[in-house]
């Protein structure tokens, strides 16, 4: 096998790969042996027809496609390694010569890691807002804690009101016909939560336990069940019970029950401190991104569309794994959202491009500043992985091998380069907007 490398524009390259005729002929024979069991020729038992007669009947190239599929993967893999290119996309394959008794020739166009020319990346100037925590923000957190510790009391001395919880049975009808999914018993509904369609909840305000109510609504035009979208409906509702939440008093006793503090003032202070710490962390993440965005804007690089396509696939695969952990398949998600894979890829394309740019710039900064993660840092990262998955450290090291170890080093070096950019940035404070 031989390979010729041609550099193309926009960080692309073309490999012209030649496989010797003897190897391709062997692949044709292999393809024939795999396929003959499926071929019937008059006068021969199934699977016993000779190759030359099959080729005579179906054409001399009957096995070429299968033979090419046998040869291409290994030949491309060897050629990619021999080329010493940093390939960052799947190959686009084109066969240029295919014939028995002749060399098999094909090309593979690939995206390669682009050259990055750094612009200004040290001392980048970024504005940051002076952080503060208001009394309203603290009170909002206290109210959340009140809600968590609330009790539910049955209402008997008044009509239902917004904020009350009604327990209901209901059945829905469209054109006087009950529809699938429109029936429930013992359903709890908080009035004013807007969890039911249209004005459903509003029509249960001012009612009592035991009441029967006809609720008239119209389904949204964009409703997920197409057969109901935009249609008026009647729900026959029976109210089983009305209840309300009783919130605990905000006092020292409450503070001691929900925290390690003895007084409400101490608890408020701890809530304020946590809010400030959360804001500071969120701000740091935003500032880091702002610094990196500036470094990217100041750099020059030419990224191939094929590389962005490959990164879109990576982002989509990451998303599929995340929702899979919640028990949702990608097909289900697409059905719920009314989308498709190609539309999703277009939507995530800017994110994929930013991921590529970020990595390239940080790698270039690491190279320019001689930033390289130490062996101790790599070992520490492997120890964290071992602890996370409850594995022996030595087993983790064996699994990753030297190649995996260097990949970890590169990832850590990129993180250190990000720290370098952030530590060398200049931050000017501005007052928070009212």
Protein backbone atom coordinates (compact mmCIF):
# COMPACT_ATOMS: atom_id res chain seq x y z
CA UNK A 1 0.00 0.00 0.00
CA UNK A 2 1.14 3.53 -0.75
CA UNK A 3 -0.25 6.96 0.14
CA UNK A 4 0.17 10.40 -1.36
CA UNK A 5 -0.78 13.49 0.67
CA UNK A 6 -2.08 16.69 -0.91
CA UNK A 7 -2.77 19.73 1.26
CA UNK A 8 -6.00 21.49 0.28
CA UNK A 9 -7.47 24.86 1.22
CA UNK A 10 -9.31 25.58 4.50
CA UNK A 11 -7.49 22.99 6.62
CA UNK A 12 -8.37 20.05 4.38
CA UNK A 13 -6.14 17.34 2.94
CA UNK A 14 -6.56 14.58 0.37
CA UNK A 15 -4.97 11.18 0.76
CA UNK A 16 -4.61 9.14 -2.42
CA UNK A 17 -4.30 5.53 -1.32
CA UNK A 18 -3.18 2.70 -3.60
CA UNK A 19 -3.81 -0.93 -2.61
CA UNK A 20 -1.81 -3.52 -4.61
CA UNK A 21 -3.79 -5.57 -7.14
CA UNK A 22 -3.04 -8.83 -5.31
CA UNK A 23 -4.65 -7.52 -2.09
CA UNK A 24 -7.72 -6.31 -3.92
CA UNK A 25 -8.09 -9.59 -5.82
CA UNK A 26 -7.92 -11.42 -2.48
CA UNK A 27 -10.68 -9.14 -1.19
CA UNK A 28 -12.82 -9.92 -4.25
CA UNK A 29 -12.41 -13.63 -3.54
CA UNK A 30 -13.30 -13.04 0.11
CA UNK A 31 -16.40 -11.12 -0.93
CA UNK A 32 -17.41 -13.97 -3.28
CA UNK A 33 -17.06 -16.56 -0.51
CA UNK A 34 -19.22 -14.47 1.82
CA UNK A 35 -21.92 -13.87 -0.82
CA UNK A 36 -22.13 -17.22 -2.65
CA UNK A 37 -24.40 -18.75 -0.04
CA UNK A 38 -27.07 -16.22 -1.02
CA UNK A 39 -26.76 -16.75 -4.80
CA UNK A 40 -28.74 -19.27 -6.83
CA UNK A 41 -27.65 -20.32 -10.32
CA UNK A 42 -29.56 -22.89 -12.40
CA UNK A 43 -27.83 -26.27 -12.26
CA UNK A 44 -25.94 -25.56 -9.02
CA UNK A 45 -26.86 -26.16 -5.42
CA UNK A 46 -27.19 -22.97 -3.37
CA UNK A 47 -23.75 -21.71 -2.41
CA UNK A 48 -21.94 -23.92 -4.92
CA UNK A 49 -22.00 -21.69 -8.02
CA UNK A 50 -18.44 -20.92 -9.22
CA UNK A 51 -17.25 -17.33 -9.14
CA UNK A 52 -16.60 -17.02 -12.88
CA UNK A 53 -20.17 -18.05 -13.74
CA UNK A 54 -21.65 -15.63 -11.19
CA UNK A 55 -19.53 -12.82 -12.65
CA UNK A 56 -20.59 -13.82 -16.16
CA UNK A 57 -24.27 -13.69 -15.23
CA UNK A 58 -24.27 -10.59 -13.01
CA UNK A 59 -21.28 -8.70 -14.39
CA UNK A 60 -17.56 -8.73 -13.65
CA UNK A 61 -17.94 -6.09 -10.95
CA UNK A 62 -20.59 -7.92 -8.94
CA UNK A 63 -18.25 -8.29 -5.95
CA UNK A 64 -16.35 -5.00 -6.29
CA UNK A 65 -18.39 -2.99 -3.77
CA UNK A 66 -18.10 -5.65 -1.07
CA UNK A 67 -14.40 -6.06 -1.81
CA UNK A 68 -13.89 -2.29 -1.53
CA UNK A 69 -15.67 -2.30 1.84
CA UNK A 70 -13.28 -5.03 2.99
CA UNK A 71 -10.16 -3.18 1.86
CA UNK A 72 -10.91 0.48 2.64
CA UNK A 73 -11.08 0.52 6.47
CA UNK A 74 -7.68 -1.06 7.09
CA UNK A 75 -6.01 0.72 4.14
CA UNK A 76 -7.33 4.11 5.30
CA UNK A 77 -6.27 3.48 8.89
CA UNK A 78 -2.72 2.65 7.81
CA UNK A 79 -2.59 5.59 5.40
CA UNK A 80 -3.83 8.04 8.06
CA UNK A 81 -1.09 6.88 10.43
CA UNK A 82 1.57 6.98 7.74
CA UNK A 83 0.54 10.50 6.63
CA UNK A 84 1.34 11.89 10.12
CA UNK A 85 -1.54 14.34 9.71
CA UNK A 86 -3.62 15.40 12.73
CA UNK A 87 -6.95 14.30 11.24
CA UNK A 88 -10.03 15.76 12.96
CA UNK A 89 -12.93 14.48 10.86
CA UNK A 90 -14.30 11.36 9.27
CA UNK A 91 -12.94 10.74 5.76
CA UNK A 92 -14.93 11.44 2.62
CA UNK A 93 -14.11 8.44 0.42
CA UNK A 94 -14.06 8.41 -3.38
CA UNK A 95 -12.97 5.37 -5.42
CA UNK A 96 -10.96 6.31 -8.50
CA UNK A 97 -9.87 2.88 -9.80
CA UNK A 98 -11.54 -0.45 -9.15
CA UNK A 99 -10.95 -3.47 -11.36
CA UNK A 100 -9.80 -7.04 -10.87
CA UNK A 101 -6.13 -7.52 -11.65
CA UNK A 102 -5.35 -3.82 -11.12
CA UNK A 103 -4.33 -1.71 -8.14
CA UNK A 104 -7.32 -0.47 -6.15
CA UNK A 105 -7.08 3.32 -5.78
CA UNK A 106 -9.25 5.58 -3.65
CA UNK A 107 -9.02 9.04 -2.12
CA UNK A 108 -9.93 10.19 1.37
CA UNK A 109 -10.58 13.89 1.99
CA UNK A 110 -10.20 14.83 5.64
CA UNK A 111 -10.14 17.89 7.85
CA UNK A 112 -6.83 18.44 9.61
CA UNK A 113 -6.06 20.35 12.78
CA UNK A 114 -5.67 23.97 11.69
CA UNK A 115 -2.75 26.22 12.43
CA UNK A 116 -3.52 28.85 15.05
CA UNK A 117 -1.90 32.28 15.09
CA UNK A 118 -2.41 33.85 18.49
CA UNK A 119 -3.18 37.52 18.78
CA UNK A 120 -3.19 39.35 22.10
CA UNK A 121 -3.98 36.92 24.90
CA UNK A 122 -2.22 38.32 27.99
CA UNK A 123 -3.60 41.28 29.93
CA UNK A 124 -7.02 41.11 28.30
CA UNK A 125 -9.42 43.66 29.80
CA UNK A 126 -12.84 42.56 31.03
CA UNK A 127 -15.50 44.42 33.01
CA UNK A 128 -17.00 42.75 36.05
CA UNK A 129 -20.02 43.78 38.09
CA UNK A 130 -19.66 44.58 41.79
CA UNK A 131 -21.64 41.80 43.47
CA UNK A 132 -24.18 42.27 46.22
CA UNK A 133 -27.04 40.36 47.81
CA UNK A 134 -30.31 42.18 48.49
CA UNK A 135 -32.74 41.64 51.36
CA UNK A 136 -35.33 40.53 48.78
CA UNK A 137 -33.03 37.79 47.53
CA UNK A 138 -32.45 36.53 51.05
CA UNK A 139 -36.18 36.60 51.75
CA UNK A 140 -36.88 34.65 48.56
CA UNK A 141 -34.55 31.88 49.80
CA UNK A 142 -36.24 31.90 53.21
CA UNK A 143 -39.62 31.56 51.54
CA UNK A 144 -38.37 28.53 49.60
CA UNK A 145 -37.35 26.95 52.89
CA UNK A 146 -40.75 27.84 54.35
CA UNK A 147 -42.40 26.06 51.41
CA UNK A 148 -40.28 22.95 51.99
CA UNK A 149 -41.36 22.87 55.64
CA UNK A 150 -45.00 23.73 55.09
CA UNK A 151 -47.91 21.55 56.16
CA UNK A 152 -51.13 20.89 54.27
CA UNK A 153 -54.41 21.69 56.02
CA UNK A 154 -57.90 20.81 54.78
CA UNK A 155 -60.09 23.84 54.00
CA UNK A 156 -63.71 23.58 55.21
CA UNK A 157 -64.70 27.11 56.18
CA UNK A 158 -64.29 28.95 52.86
CA UNK A 159 -64.27 28.63 49.09
CA UNK A 160 -61.12 27.63 47.20
CA UNK A 161 -58.68 30.43 46.36
CA UNK A 162 -55.53 30.89 44.30
CA UNK A 163 -52.68 29.03 45.97
CA UNK A 164 -54.97 26.31 47.36
CA UNK A 165 -54.53 22.67 46.43
CA UNK A 166 -57.60 20.92 45.01
CA UNK A 167 -57.83 17.15 44.71
CA UNK A 168 -60.00 16.36 41.68
CA UNK A 169 -61.40 13.65 39.43
CA UNK A 170 -62.01 14.71 35.85
CA UNK A 171 -62.94 13.50 32.38
CA UNK A 172 -62.41 15.51 29.19
CA UNK A 173 -64.69 15.63 26.13
CA UNK A 174 -64.26 17.05 22.63
CA UNK A 175 -67.45 17.23 20.58
CA UNK A 176 -69.17 15.29 23.41
CA UNK A 177 -66.75 12.37 22.99
CA UNK A 178 -64.28 11.43 25.74
CA UNK A 179 -60.69 11.57 24.45
CA UNK A 180 -57.68 9.42 25.32
CA UNK A 181 -55.54 10.80 28.15
CA UNK A 182 -58.27 13.16 29.34
CA UNK A 183 -59.25 11.23 32.47
CA UNK A 184 -57.75 11.16 35.97
CA UNK A 185 -58.75 10.39 39.55
CA UNK A 186 -57.29 11.88 42.71
CA UNK A 187 -55.25 14.48 40.85
CA UNK A 188 -53.71 17.23 43.01
CA UNK A 189 -53.69 20.66 41.37
CA UNK A 190 -52.37 23.92 42.85
CA UNK A 191 -54.65 26.74 41.71
CA UNK A 192 -52.62 29.42 39.95
CA UNK A 193 -49.73 27.11 39.09
CA UNK A 194 -50.62 27.23 35.38
CA UNK A 195 -49.87 23.54 35.09
CA UNK A 196 -53.20 22.85 33.29
CA UNK A 197 -54.22 24.33 29.95
CA UNK A 198 -55.96 27.62 29.31
CA UNK A 199 -58.26 28.82 32.15
CA UNK A 200 -58.84 25.37 33.66
CA UNK A 201 -57.54 26.37 37.11
CA UNK A 202 -59.32 29.75 37.18
CA UNK A 203 -62.68 28.00 36.85
CA UNK A 204 -62.06 25.99 40.02
CA UNK A 205 -61.51 29.10 42.16
CA UNK A 206 -64.42 29.81 44.51
CA UNK A 207 -65.54 26.17 44.77
CA UNK A 208 -65.87 23.70 47.66
CA UNK A 209 -65.19 20.03 48.25
CA UNK A 210 -68.03 17.97 46.76
CA UNK A 211 -68.76 20.45 43.95
CA UNK A 212 -69.15 19.25 40.36
CA UNK A 213 -67.88 21.77 37.82
CA UNK A 214 -67.95 21.87 34.02
CA UNK A 215 -64.73 23.51 32.88
CA UNK A 216 -64.57 24.92 29.34
CA UNK A 217 -61.13 25.31 27.75
CA UNK A 218 -59.47 25.47 24.34
CA UNK A 219 -56.35 23.45 23.60
CA UNK A 220 -53.35 25.49 22.32
CA UNK A 221 -52.74 25.54 18.57
CA UNK A 222 -49.29 24.03 19.19
CA UNK A 223 -50.53 21.28 21.52
CA UNK A 224 -48.43 18.09 21.35
CA UNK A 225 -51.47 15.88 20.57
CA UNK A 226 -52.35 17.00 17.03
CA UNK A 227 -55.89 15.61 17.22
CA UNK A 228 -56.63 18.03 20.10
CA UNK A 229 -54.65 21.10 18.96
CA UNK A 230 -56.80 24.23 18.79
CA UNK A 231 -60.03 22.43 19.74
CA UNK A 232 -62.51 23.47 22.46
CA UNK A 233 -63.11 20.92 25.20
CA UNK A 234 -65.31 20.35 28.25
CA UNK A 235 -63.92 18.78 31.42
CA UNK A 236 -66.36 17.34 33.95
CA UNK A 237 -64.63 17.88 37.28
CA UNK A 238 -65.49 16.61 40.74
CA UNK A 239 -63.69 18.32 43.64
CA UNK A 240 -62.73 15.75 46.28
CA UNK A 241 -60.91 18.04 48.69
CA UNK A 242 -59.61 21.59 49.07
CA UNK A 243 -56.51 22.22 51.15
CA UNK A 244 -53.98 24.97 51.73
CA UNK A 245 -50.36 25.22 52.76
CA UNK A 246 -49.58 26.43 56.26
CA UNK A 247 -46.16 28.06 56.37
CA UNK A 248 -44.06 28.08 59.55
CA UNK A 249 -43.28 31.42 61.16
CA UNK A 250 -39.94 33.00 60.26
CA UNK A 251 -38.44 33.11 63.73
CA UNK A 252 -35.56 31.73 65.79
CA UNK A 253 -37.33 28.40 66.23
CA UNK A 254 -37.69 28.02 62.46
CA UNK A 255 -34.00 28.88 61.96
CA UNK A 256 -32.89 26.28 64.53
CA UNK A 257 -35.05 23.60 62.90
CA UNK A 258 -33.86 24.09 59.33
CA UNK A 259 -30.22 25.02 59.98
CA UNK A 260 -27.37 24.73 62.44
CA UNK A 261 -27.98 28.29 63.67
CA UNK A 262 -29.82 29.33 66.82
CA UNK A 263 -31.24 32.64 65.62
CA UNK A 264 -32.99 33.88 62.51
CA UNK A 265 -30.44 36.66 62.05
CA UNK A 266 -27.57 34.15 62.02
CA UNK A 267 -29.46 32.00 59.54
CA UNK A 268 -30.15 35.01 57.30
CA UNK A 269 -26.43 35.84 57.35
CA UNK A 270 -25.53 32.30 56.27
CA UNK A 271 -28.11 32.44 53.46
CA UNK A 272 -26.68 35.78 52.31
CA UNK A 273 -23.12 34.40 52.40
CA UNK A 274 -24.13 31.38 50.32
CA UNK A 275 -25.92 33.54 47.77
CA UNK A 276 -22.80 35.70 47.49
CA UNK A 277 -20.56 32.64 47.06
CA UNK A 278 -22.88 31.27 44.35
CA UNK A 279 -22.90 34.63 42.55
CA UNK A 280 -19.10 34.83 42.75
CA UNK A 281 -18.72 31.35 41.26
CA UNK A 282 -21.18 32.09 38.46
CA UNK A 283 -19.43 35.40 37.77
CA UNK A 284 -16.03 33.72 37.62
CA UNK A 285 -17.34 31.27 35.03
CA UNK A 286 -18.75 34.14 32.99
CA UNK A 287 -15.50 36.11 33.24
CA UNK A 288 -13.44 33.09 32.23
CA UNK A 289 -15.62 32.69 29.14
CA UNK A 290 -15.36 36.41 28.36
CA UNK A 291 -11.55 36.27 28.56
CA UNK A 292 -11.45 33.17 26.37
CA UNK A 293 -13.85 34.75 23.86
CA UNK A 294 -11.47 37.72 23.55
CA UNK A 295 -8.48 35.44 23.01
CA UNK A 296 -10.43 33.58 20.32
CA UNK A 297 -11.47 36.82 18.62
CA UNK A 298 -7.83 37.97 18.57
CA UNK A 299 -6.57 34.67 17.10
CA UNK A 300 -6.53 33.56 13.49
CA UNK A 301 -7.45 30.03 12.41
CA UNK A 302 -9.19 28.38 9.48
CA UNK A 303 -11.50 25.59 10.62
CA UNK A 304 -12.82 23.12 8.05
CA UNK A 305 -16.57 22.57 7.85
CA UNK A 306 -15.90 18.83 8.09
CA UNK A 307 -14.32 19.36 11.52
CA UNK A 308 -17.38 21.32 12.68
CA UNK A 309 -19.61 18.51 11.36
CA UNK A 310 -17.64 15.98 13.39
CA UNK A 311 -17.87 18.15 16.52
CA UNK A 312 -21.64 18.51 16.02
CA UNK A 313 -21.82 14.71 16.15
CA UNK A 314 -19.80 14.77 19.39
CA UNK A 315 -22.06 17.38 20.99
CA UNK A 316 -25.15 15.45 19.93
CA UNK A 317 -23.69 12.20 21.30
CA UNK A 318 -22.93 13.91 24.63
CA UNK A 319 -26.51 15.22 24.76
CA UNK A 320 -27.88 11.76 23.96
CA UNK A 321 -25.89 10.26 26.83
CA UNK A 322 -27.12 12.94 29.26
CA UNK A 323 -30.80 12.46 28.48
CA UNK A 324 -30.25 8.69 28.41
CA UNK A 325 -29.26 8.90 32.08
CA UNK A 326 -32.75 10.36 32.68
CA UNK A 327 -34.39 7.44 30.88
CA UNK A 328 -35.12 9.37 27.66
CA UNK A 329 -33.92 8.19 24.26
CA UNK A 330 -32.93 10.62 21.50
CA UNK A 331 -35.87 9.40 19.39
CA UNK A 332 -38.27 10.15 22.25
CA UNK A 333 -36.76 13.61 22.73
CA UNK A 334 -37.11 14.38 19.02
CA UNK A 335 -40.73 13.20 19.13
CA UNK A 336 -41.50 15.37 22.18
CA UNK A 337 -39.93 18.47 20.65
CA UNK A 338 -41.10 17.89 17.07
CA UNK A 339 -37.52 18.21 15.85
CA UNK A 340 -35.13 15.99 13.88
CA UNK A 341 -31.41 15.18 13.97
CA UNK A 342 -30.44 17.53 11.13
CA UNK A 343 -32.29 20.46 12.71
CA UNK A 344 -30.60 19.75 16.05
CA UNK A 345 -27.20 19.67 14.38
CA UNK A 346 -27.81 23.09 12.84
CA UNK A 347 -28.90 24.45 16.22
CA UNK A 348 -25.79 23.14 18.00
CA UNK A 349 -23.39 24.17 15.23
CA UNK A 350 -22.38 27.47 16.93
CA UNK A 351 -21.68 25.55 20.16
CA UNK A 352 -19.60 22.99 18.26
CA UNK A 353 -17.58 25.74 16.55
CA UNK A 354 -16.93 27.46 19.88
CA UNK A 355 -15.73 24.18 21.42
CA UNK A 356 -13.24 23.73 18.59
CA UNK A 357 -12.02 27.33 18.75
CA UNK A 358 -11.65 27.20 22.54
CA UNK A 359 -9.60 24.02 22.45
CA UNK A 360 -7.36 25.24 19.63
CA UNK A 361 -6.63 28.59 21.25
CA UNK A 362 -5.93 27.09 24.67
CA UNK A 363 -3.62 24.48 23.13
CA UNK A 364 -1.79 27.30 21.33
CA UNK A 365 -1.48 29.29 24.59
CA UNK A 366 -0.14 26.21 26.37
CA UNK A 367 2.45 25.74 23.62
CA UNK A 368 3.42 29.43 23.59
CA UNK A 369 3.84 29.58 27.38
CA UNK A 370 5.39 26.14 27.82
CA UNK A 371 2.45 25.01 29.97
CA UNK A 372 2.39 21.25 30.54
CA UNK A 373 0.66 19.26 33.25
CA UNK A 374 3.06 17.35 35.51
CA UNK A 375 3.19 13.59 36.01
CA UNK A 376 1.86 14.16 39.54
CA UNK A 377 -1.15 16.03 38.16
CA UNK A 378 -1.87 13.21 35.70
CA UNK A 379 -1.55 10.60 38.47
CA UNK A 380 -3.86 12.65 40.69
CA UNK A 381 -6.46 12.81 37.93
CA UNK A 382 -6.32 9.03 37.49
CA UNK A 383 -6.72 8.60 41.24
CA UNK A 384 -9.87 10.75 41.10
CA UNK A 385 -11.22 8.58 38.28
CA UNK A 386 -10.45 5.41 40.23
CA UNK A 387 -12.26 6.78 43.29
CA UNK A 388 -15.22 7.91 41.21
CA UNK A 389 -15.74 4.50 39.61
CA UNK A 390 -14.53 2.51 42.64
CA UNK A 391 -11.65 0.94 40.74
CA UNK A 392 -8.04 0.18 41.58
CA UNK A 393 -5.69 2.97 40.43
CA UNK A 394 -3.34 0.52 38.74
CA UNK A 395 -6.23 -0.93 36.74
CA UNK A 396 -7.15 2.57 35.58
CA UNK A 397 -3.56 3.23 34.50
CA UNK A 398 -3.45 -0.04 32.56
CA UNK A 399 -6.76 0.78 30.88
CA UNK A 400 -5.59 4.20 29.69
CA UNK A 401 -2.07 3.14 28.74
CA UNK A 402 0.51 5.67 27.59
CA UNK A 403 -1.72 7.13 24.86
CA UNK A 404 -4.59 7.68 27.27
CA UNK A 405 -2.21 9.13 29.84
CA UNK A 406 -0.98 11.71 27.33
CA UNK A 407 -4.57 12.57 26.42
CA UNK A 408 -5.24 13.29 30.09
CA UNK A 409 -2.07 15.41 30.23
CA UNK A 410 -3.26 17.43 27.22
CA UNK A 411 -6.68 18.02 28.82
CA UNK A 412 -5.07 19.16 32.06
CA UNK A 413 -2.66 21.40 30.16
CA UNK A 414 -5.60 23.07 28.42
CA UNK A 415 -7.19 23.73 31.83
CA UNK A 416 -3.92 25.24 33.06
CA UNK A 417 -3.80 27.45 29.95
CA UNK A 418 -7.29 28.70 30.79
CA UNK A 419 -6.10 29.48 34.33
CA UNK A 420 -3.16 31.38 32.81
CA UNK A 421 -5.46 33.53 30.64
CA UNK A 422 -7.73 34.28 33.60
CA UNK A 423 -4.90 35.03 36.03
CA UNK A 424 -3.31 37.43 33.54
CA UNK A 425 -6.51 39.27 32.61
CA UNK A 426 -7.28 42.79 33.87
CA UNK A 427 -10.70 43.21 35.48
CA UNK A 428 -12.35 46.61 35.86
CA UNK A 429 -15.30 46.87 38.19
CA UNK A 430 -18.64 48.44 37.28
CA UNK A 431 -21.71 49.04 39.39
CA UNK A 432 -24.60 46.62 39.09
CA UNK A 433 -27.52 47.83 36.97
CA UNK A 434 -30.56 48.83 38.96
